[in-house]
Amino acid sequence: MPNLQPASDDQANSIVVSVIVLNWNGELFLEACLGSLLRQSMGDTEIILVDNGSTDGSVDLVRGRFPQVRLIVLEENTGFSAGNNAGIRHARGEYVALINNDAEADPHWIEEILKTYNSHPEVGICASKMLFYDDRTLADACGDFYTVEGIAGKIGHLEPEERYGKPREVFGACAGAAVYRRSMLEELGGFDEDFFIVHEDSDLSFRARLMGYKCLYVPTAIVYHHLGASIGLGSDRSVYFSQRNTEFVYLKNMPLLLLLKYWPMHVLADLVSFVAHIARGKTRAFLSAKFDALRMMPAVIKKRRRIQSARRASAADIDRLLVRGWLWGRLRRGLDAGIRREGPQESALGERPSSE
């Protein structure tokens, strides 16, 4: 696992939260994103922008318009996992906040998260209320769920935001707008860099759960998000990383008793997903993803042994957090859409809408 210790032991005592913005060719969004972070009501923060090999003028924009922002320039696109790990290594705060470059934070975003941490010492991750930038009545994500089939997804996606006005415990957080205890990140080793992009946050949330940390959804911590601006929803790239990394999350983290209990459901979900991707013309991307997941299985098994030997949560603890009936619900909605000849708005088991 990557070493997340800061480059210097000289911690800035006044910094409580380090906010990391990972950027790849996001010049169009940066002024609004960074401006919203500089307007935060919580003053004891630092802002770090990690540039992942951009070629669009992003670095010059930050240097010229935002001298307050600490800039880390990487020579190439290292992916979401490695890029954020680089930012975490430079972070000096007790808490580490991640926000997408195509998102804007409410002025009280950080303040509301810290209220939750101050009253819940057992919490390792706080999930934000992510709303669509262009339609702020709709939720993008209100925390993440994980199913018995091994599927990760966003709670409340495309639903009216008013349904999600109460704080609650959730399985995990979308890293497009989440805040983590730095001590937890160091214990877990940060994001798994083999993921590159997509579901690295699901993996981190699962590993945190296995170590006994809780995740709380904070409805008053609001962020507005331009969905899929970087990776492109439904692209071959999105399908590939989503389908490959789905296997990584499941096989690394699911306790053995639950793996045996729910394995038939996982296989069925993969089969349904395969059919759905054939219908969408994404057969090659899907098969490439599963082949590469199989090819990398020795490394996954090695990680699994380390994770499972260190976990503090029991299989029963994890089982109570898993969503049941998700696959049947998706199949039913897909069938209903076909009967109406409207066509489903998304595949019966398509890739998770990406926030990276």
Protein backbone atom coordinates (compact mmCIF):
# COMPACT_ATOMS: atom_id res chain seq x y z
CA MET A 1 0.00 0.00 0.00
CA PRO A 2 1.25 3.54 -0.66
CA ASN A 3 2.92 5.46 2.13
CA LEU A 4 0.69 8.39 3.10
CA GLN A 5 2.94 9.96 5.71
CA PRO A 6 3.38 13.67 4.97
CA ALA A 7 6.62 14.78 3.36
CA SER A 8 7.44 16.80 6.48
CA ASP A 9 6.64 16.25 10.15
CA ASP A 10 6.23 20.00 10.57
CA GLN A 11 2.42 20.04 10.74
CA ALA A 12 0.71 23.43 10.57
CA ASN A 13 -1.14 23.56 13.88
CA SER A 14 -3.80 25.92 12.56
CA ILE A 15 -4.87 23.60 9.72
CA VAL A 16 -7.77 21.37 10.61
CA VAL A 17 -8.92 20.32 7.12
CA SER A 18 -6.92 19.81 3.94
CA VAL A 19 -9.12 20.04 0.83
CA ILE A 20 -7.74 18.19 -2.18
CA VAL A 21 -8.92 18.91 -5.72
CA LEU A 22 -7.67 16.43 -8.30
CA ASN A 23 -7.60 17.98 -11.75
CA TRP A 24 -7.15 16.62 -15.25
CA ASN A 25 -7.91 19.10 -18.04
CA GLY A 26 -10.61 20.75 -15.96
CA GLU A 27 -9.74 24.39 -16.66
CA LEU A 28 -13.37 25.12 -17.53
CA PHE A 29 -14.53 24.26 -13.99
CA LEU A 30 -11.62 25.31 -11.80
CA GLU A 31 -12.46 28.94 -11.19
CA ALA A 32 -15.90 28.07 -9.82
CA CYS A 33 -14.64 25.08 -7.83
CA LEU A 34 -11.68 26.81 -6.19
CA GLY A 35 -13.67 29.99 -5.63
CA SER A 36 -16.29 28.03 -3.67
CA LEU A 37 -13.56 26.50 -1.50
CA LEU A 38 -12.03 29.89 -0.74
CA ARG A 39 -15.44 31.08 0.45
CA GLN A 40 -15.81 28.34 3.09
CA SER A 41 -17.07 29.51 6.47
CA MET A 42 -14.53 27.21 8.12
CA GLY A 43 -11.25 29.13 8.00
CA ASP A 44 -8.71 26.59 9.31
CA THR A 45 -8.26 24.90 5.95
CA GLU A 46 -5.71 24.51 3.20
CA ILE A 47 -6.54 23.89 -0.45
CA ILE A 48 -4.33 21.57 -2.49
CA LEU A 49 -4.77 21.13 -6.22
CA VAL A 50 -3.11 18.05 -7.70
CA ASP A 51 -2.80 18.40 -11.45
CA ASN A 52 -2.76 15.02 -13.19
CA GLY A 53 -0.78 15.91 -16.30
CA SER A 54 -3.21 18.47 -17.74
CA THR A 55 -2.54 20.01 -21.17
CA ASP A 56 -5.33 22.62 -21.20
CA GLY A 57 -3.88 25.53 -19.25
CA SER A 58 -5.16 24.43 -15.84
CA VAL A 59 -1.79 24.90 -14.13
CA ASP A 60 -1.32 28.42 -15.48
CA LEU A 61 -4.85 29.33 -14.36
CA VAL A 62 -4.21 28.20 -10.79
CA ARG A 63 -0.82 29.90 -10.60
CA GLY A 64 -2.20 33.15 -11.95
CA ARG A 65 -5.63 33.35 -10.30
CA PHE A 66 -5.28 31.30 -7.12
CA PRO A 67 -1.88 31.85 -5.47
CA GLN A 68 -3.43 30.74 -2.13
CA VAL A 69 -3.82 27.20 -3.49
CA ARG A 70 -0.96 24.75 -3.00
CA LEU A 71 -0.20 23.29 -6.41
CA ILE A 72 1.20 19.81 -7.00
CA VAL A 73 1.99 19.13 -10.67
CA LEU A 74 2.30 15.52 -11.83
CA GLU A 75 3.90 14.86 -15.19
CA GLU A 76 1.26 12.39 -16.38
CA ASN A 77 -2.28 11.27 -15.60
CA THR A 78 -1.78 8.85 -12.72
CA GLY A 79 -5.51 8.25 -12.19
CA PHE A 80 -7.88 9.17 -9.38
CA SER A 81 -6.32 6.87 -6.79
CA ALA A 82 -2.65 7.77 -7.21
CA GLY A 83 -3.40 11.44 -7.79
CA ASN A 84 -5.35 11.78 -4.56
CA ASN A 85 -2.76 9.76 -2.66
CA ALA A 86 -0.17 12.29 -3.80
CA GLY A 87 -2.35 15.06 -2.40
CA ILE A 88 -2.88 13.22 0.87
CA ARG A 89 0.88 12.89 1.34
CA HIS A 90 1.16 16.69 1.17
CA ALA A 91 -1.89 17.34 3.35
CA ARG A 92 -1.31 18.80 6.82
CA GLY A 93 -4.84 18.68 8.22
CA GLU A 94 -6.39 16.31 10.72
CA TYR A 95 -9.13 15.70 8.17
CA VAL A 96 -8.80 15.28 4.41
CA ALA A 97 -11.61 16.47 2.16
CA LEU A 98 -11.84 15.43 -1.47
CA ILE A 99 -13.93 17.28 -4.01
CA ASN A 100 -14.17 16.87 -7.77
CA ASN A 101 -12.84 19.64 -9.96
CA ASP A 102 -16.27 19.87 -11.62
CA ALA A 103 -18.07 20.50 -8.33
CA GLU A 104 -18.86 23.59 -6.26
CA ALA A 105 -19.21 23.52 -2.49
CA ASP A 106 -21.81 25.30 -0.40
CA PRO A 107 -20.04 27.88 1.84
CA HIS A 108 -20.81 25.78 4.95
CA TRP A 109 -19.74 22.41 3.47
CA ILE A 110 -16.65 21.88 5.63
CA GLU A 111 -18.20 23.45 8.73
CA GLU A 112 -21.16 21.05 8.63
CA ILE A 113 -18.90 18.03 8.20
CA LEU A 114 -16.75 19.01 11.16
CA LYS A 115 -19.83 19.34 13.39
CA THR A 116 -20.54 15.68 12.67
CA TYR A 117 -16.97 14.57 13.37
CA ASN A 118 -16.86 16.49 16.64
CA SER A 119 -19.91 14.64 17.94
CA HIS A 120 -19.11 11.18 16.47
CA PRO A 121 -15.58 10.02 17.29
CA GLU A 122 -16.28 6.56 15.84
CA VAL A 123 -16.85 7.95 12.34
CA GLY A 124 -14.05 7.68 9.80
CA ILE A 125 -15.86 8.96 6.69
CA CYS A 126 -18.49 11.63 6.14
CA ALA A 127 -20.55 11.64 2.93
CA SER A 128 -21.86 14.88 1.48
CA LYS A 129 -25.21 15.66 -0.11
CA MET A 130 -24.28 15.89 -3.79
CA LEU A 131 -26.83 17.63 -6.00
CA PHE A 132 -26.83 18.11 -9.75
CA TYR A 133 -25.40 21.47 -10.67
CA ASP A 134 -28.00 22.19 -13.37
CA ASP A 135 -31.00 20.86 -11.42
CA ARG A 136 -30.53 21.31 -7.72
CA THR A 137 -33.81 19.63 -6.88
CA LEU A 138 -32.27 16.26 -7.85
CA ALA A 139 -29.73 14.27 -5.89
CA ASP A 140 -26.58 12.87 -7.45
CA ALA A 141 -25.40 11.01 -4.34
CA CYS A 142 -26.43 10.94 -0.67
CA GLY A 143 -23.87 8.38 0.41
CA ASP A 144 -23.09 5.04 -1.21
CA PHE A 145 -24.69 1.62 -0.86
CA TYR A 146 -23.29 -1.87 -1.41
CA THR A 147 -25.40 -4.89 -2.28
CA VAL A 148 -25.27 -8.59 -1.52
CA GLU A 149 -24.53 -9.11 -5.24
CA GLY A 150 -21.36 -7.03 -4.91
CA ILE A 151 -22.66 -3.88 -6.62
CA ALA A 152 -21.73 -0.41 -5.39
CA GLY A 153 -23.90 2.59 -6.15
CA LYS A 154 -25.11 6.01 -5.17
CA ILE A 155 -27.97 6.44 -2.72
CA GLY A 156 -30.70 8.72 -4.03
CA HIS A 157 -29.27 9.10 -7.54
CA LEU A 158 -31.74 11.00 -9.76
CA GLU A 159 -34.29 11.23 -6.93
CA PRO A 160 -35.74 14.44 -5.41
CA GLU A 161 -33.19 15.79 -2.95
CA GLU A 162 -35.86 16.54 -0.36
CA ARG A 163 -36.17 12.81 0.34
CA TYR A 164 -32.69 12.84 1.84
CA GLY A 165 -32.88 15.53 4.49
CA LYS A 166 -31.94 13.44 7.54
CA PRO A 167 -28.49 12.26 8.61
CA ARG A 168 -28.01 8.51 8.54
CA GLU A 169 -25.40 5.82 8.59
CA VAL A 170 -24.47 4.65 5.08
CA PHE A 171 -22.11 2.03 3.74
CA GLY A 172 -19.70 4.52 2.22
CA ALA A 173 -19.15 7.85 0.51
CA CYS A 174 -18.67 9.02 -3.05
CA ALA A 175 -15.15 10.49 -3.13
CA GLY A 176 -16.39 13.28 -5.39
CA ALA A 177 -17.27 15.10 -2.14
CA ALA A 178 -16.22 13.29 1.01
CA VAL A 179 -14.21 14.01 4.15
CA TYR A 180 -11.95 11.42 5.80
CA ARG A 181 -10.05 11.20 9.07
CA ARG A 182 -6.42 11.38 8.11
CA SER A 183 -5.48 8.79 10.76
CA MET A 184 -7.89 6.35 9.12
CA LEU A 185 -6.42 6.98 5.66
CA GLU A 186 -2.95 6.29 7.00
CA GLU A 187 -4.12 3.06 8.65
CA LEU A 188 -5.77 1.88 5.44
CA GLY A 189 -2.95 2.99 3.15
CA GLY A 190 -5.15 5.35 1.15
CA PHE A 191 -6.68 4.49 -2.20
CA ASP A 192 -5.69 1.33 -4.04
CA GLU A 193 -3.75 2.64 -7.03
CA ASP A 194 -4.46 -0.48 -9.13
CA PHE A 195 -8.02 0.83 -9.56
CA PHE A 196 -6.81 3.93 -11.45
CA ILE A 197 -10.36 5.35 -11.58
CA VAL A 198 -13.95 4.27 -10.67
CA HIS A 199 -14.92 2.37 -7.50
CA GLU A 200 -11.70 3.24 -5.68
CA ASP A 201 -13.95 5.05 -3.20
CA SER A 202 -16.15 1.96 -2.82
CA ASP A 203 -13.05 -0.08 -2.06
CA LEU A 204 -11.81 2.43 0.51
CA SER A 205 -15.23 2.56 2.17
CA PHE A 206 -15.37 -1.25 2.34
CA ARG A 207 -11.90 -1.48 3.86
CA ALA A 208 -12.83 1.20 6.39
CA ARG A 209 -15.93 -0.80 7.33
CA LEU A 210 -13.85 -3.94 7.79
CA MET A 211 -11.64 -2.03 10.22
CA GLY A 212 -14.66 -0.93 12.24
CA TYR A 213 -15.02 2.69 11.06
CA LYS A 214 -18.47 4.12 10.41
CA CYS A 215 -19.63 6.37 7.57
CA LEU A 216 -22.29 9.04 8.12
CA TYR A 217 -24.26 10.95 5.51
CA VAL A 218 -24.45 14.67 6.37
CA PRO A 219 -27.40 16.29 4.51
CA THR A 220 -26.39 19.82 5.47
CA ALA A 221 -22.97 19.42 3.78
CA ILE A 222 -23.96 20.27 0.22
CA VAL A 223 -21.98 20.13 -3.03
CA TYR A 224 -23.20 20.82 -6.59
CA HIS A 225 -21.81 18.50 -9.25
CA HIS A 226 -21.48 18.43 -13.04
CA LEU A 227 -21.92 14.67 -13.47
CA GLY A 228 -19.44 12.72 -15.60
CA ALA A 229 -17.49 15.69 -16.91
CA SER A 230 -14.17 13.81 -16.83
CA ILE A 231 -14.67 10.18 -17.73
CA GLY A 232 -17.82 10.35 -19.84
CA LEU A 233 -20.80 8.27 -18.76
CA GLY A 234 -21.39 5.18 -20.89
CA SER A 235 -18.00 5.42 -22.62
CA ASP A 236 -15.93 2.30 -23.25
CA ARG A 237 -13.45 3.63 -20.69
CA SER A 238 -16.15 4.03 -18.06
CA VAL A 239 -17.54 0.54 -18.73
CA TYR A 240 -14.09 -1.04 -18.59
CA PHE A 241 -12.97 0.44 -15.29
CA SER A 242 -16.38 0.03 -13.66
CA GLN A 243 -16.69 -3.64 -14.58
CA ARG A 244 -13.09 -4.55 -13.81
CA ASN A 245 -13.00 -2.71 -10.51
CA THR A 246 -16.35 -4.14 -9.41
CA GLU A 247 -14.59 -7.51 -9.20
CA PHE A 248 -11.66 -5.99 -7.31
CA VAL A 249 -13.90 -4.49 -4.62
CA TYR A 250 -15.92 -7.68 -4.15
CA LEU A 251 -13.09 -10.21 -4.13
CA LYS A 252 -10.72 -8.13 -1.98
CA ASN A 253 -13.17 -7.21 0.73
CA MET A 254 -16.17 -9.51 1.08
CA PRO A 255 -15.67 -11.76 4.15
CA LEU A 256 -15.43 -15.44 3.28
CA LEU A 257 -18.73 -16.41 4.92
CA LEU A 258 -20.56 -13.76 2.90
CA LEU A 259 -18.62 -14.62 -0.25
CA LEU A 260 -19.88 -18.20 0.00
CA LYS A 261 -23.39 -17.09 0.94
CA TYR A 262 -23.88 -14.60 -1.89
CA TRP A 263 -21.59 -15.92 -4.65
CA PRO A 264 -24.50 -17.20 -6.81
CA MET A 265 -26.06 -13.72 -6.71
CA HIS A 266 -22.78 -12.14 -7.79
CA VAL A 267 -22.46 -14.52 -10.75
CA LEU A 268 -26.07 -13.84 -11.75
CA ALA A 269 -25.46 -10.09 -11.57
CA ASP A 270 -22.43 -10.47 -13.85
CA LEU A 271 -24.46 -12.50 -16.36
CA VAL A 272 -27.28 -9.96 -16.44
CA SER A 273 -24.75 -7.18 -16.78
CA PHE A 274 -23.11 -8.97 -19.70
CA VAL A 275 -26.42 -9.21 -21.55
CA ALA A 276 -27.15 -5.55 -20.86
CA HIS A 277 -23.78 -4.47 -22.21
CA ILE A 278 -24.19 -6.59 -25.33
CA ALA A 279 -27.44 -4.72 -25.98
CA ARG A 280 -25.60 -1.41 -25.58
CA GLY A 281 -22.80 -2.36 -27.95
CA LYS A 282 -20.22 -2.54 -25.14
CA THR A 283 -19.32 -6.25 -25.41
CA ARG A 284 -15.62 -5.70 -26.02
CA ALA A 285 -15.20 -3.26 -23.12
CA PHE A 286 -17.08 -5.60 -20.76
CA LEU A 287 -15.10 -8.71 -21.72
CA SER A 288 -11.79 -6.86 -21.58
CA ALA A 289 -12.64 -5.72 -18.06
CA LYS A 290 -13.47 -9.19 -16.80
CA PHE A 291 -10.42 -10.73 -18.52
CA ASP A 292 -8.10 -8.20 -16.90
CA ALA A 293 -9.76 -8.73 -13.52
CA LEU A 294 -9.01 -12.45 -13.89
CA ARG A 295 -5.45 -11.75 -15.03
CA MET A 296 -4.80 -9.58 -11.96
CA MET A 297 -6.37 -12.07 -9.54
CA PRO A 298 -3.07 -13.19 -7.91
CA ALA A 299 -2.43 -9.60 -6.78
CA VAL A 300 -6.05 -9.26 -5.62
CA ILE A 301 -5.83 -12.45 -3.57
CA LYS A 302 -2.62 -11.22 -1.94
CA LYS A 303 -4.36 -7.99 -0.93
CA ARG A 304 -7.38 -9.95 0.27
CA ARG A 305 -5.30 -12.02 2.66
CA ARG A 306 -3.80 -8.91 4.21
CA ILE A 307 -7.17 -7.14 4.51
CA GLN A 308 -9.08 -10.09 5.95
CA SER A 309 -6.37 -10.99 8.46
CA ALA A 310 -6.42 -7.45 9.86
CA ARG A 311 -10.17 -6.77 9.89
CA ARG A 312 -11.94 -5.95 13.13
CA ALA A 313 -15.55 -6.18 11.93
CA SER A 314 -17.32 -9.53 11.86
CA ALA A 315 -19.10 -10.99 8.84
CA ALA A 316 -22.38 -10.25 10.62
CA ASP A 317 -21.38 -6.60 11.03
CA ILE A 318 -20.87 -6.32 7.27
CA ASP A 319 -23.94 -8.37 6.37
CA ARG A 320 -26.29 -5.98 8.16
CA LEU A 321 -25.03 -3.11 5.99
CA LEU A 322 -25.66 -4.81 2.63
CA VAL A 323 -28.65 -3.96 0.45
CA ARG A 324 -30.91 -6.87 -0.52
CA GLY A 325 -33.24 -7.20 -3.49
CA TRP A 326 -31.37 -4.69 -5.64
CA LEU A 327 -30.86 -6.97 -8.66
CA TRP A 328 -34.49 -8.04 -8.81
CA GLY A 329 -35.59 -4.42 -8.58
CA ARG A 330 -33.37 -3.40 -11.48
CA LEU A 331 -34.56 -6.31 -13.60
CA ARG A 332 -38.17 -5.47 -12.86
CA ARG A 333 -37.71 -1.83 -13.83
CA GLY A 334 -35.94 -2.83 -17.03
CA LEU A 335 -38.74 -5.23 -17.96
CA ASP A 336 -41.42 -2.63 -17.26
CA ALA A 337 -39.63 -0.12 -19.48
CA GLY A 338 -39.40 -2.67 -22.28
CA ILE A 339 -43.09 -3.50 -22.01
CA ARG A 340 -43.94 0.21 -22.34
CA ARG A 341 -41.61 0.31 -25.40
CA GLU A 342 -39.92 3.32 -23.90
CA GLY A 343 -36.62 1.59 -23.32
CA PRO A 344 -34.90 1.75 -19.97
CA GLN A 345 -33.16 5.00 -19.13
CA GLU A 346 -30.09 2.97 -18.24
CA SER A 347 -29.07 -0.65 -18.63
CA ALA A 348 -30.54 -3.26 -16.36
CA LEU A 349 -27.13 -3.56 -14.77
CA GLY A 350 -24.96 -0.87 -16.26
CA GLU A 351 -21.89 0.76 -14.79
CA ARG A 352 -22.26 2.95 -11.76
CA PRO A 353 -22.64 6.60 -12.70
CA SER A 354 -19.11 7.84 -12.13
CA SER A 355 -18.26 10.88 -10.11
CA GLU A 356 -14.60 10.91 -11.05
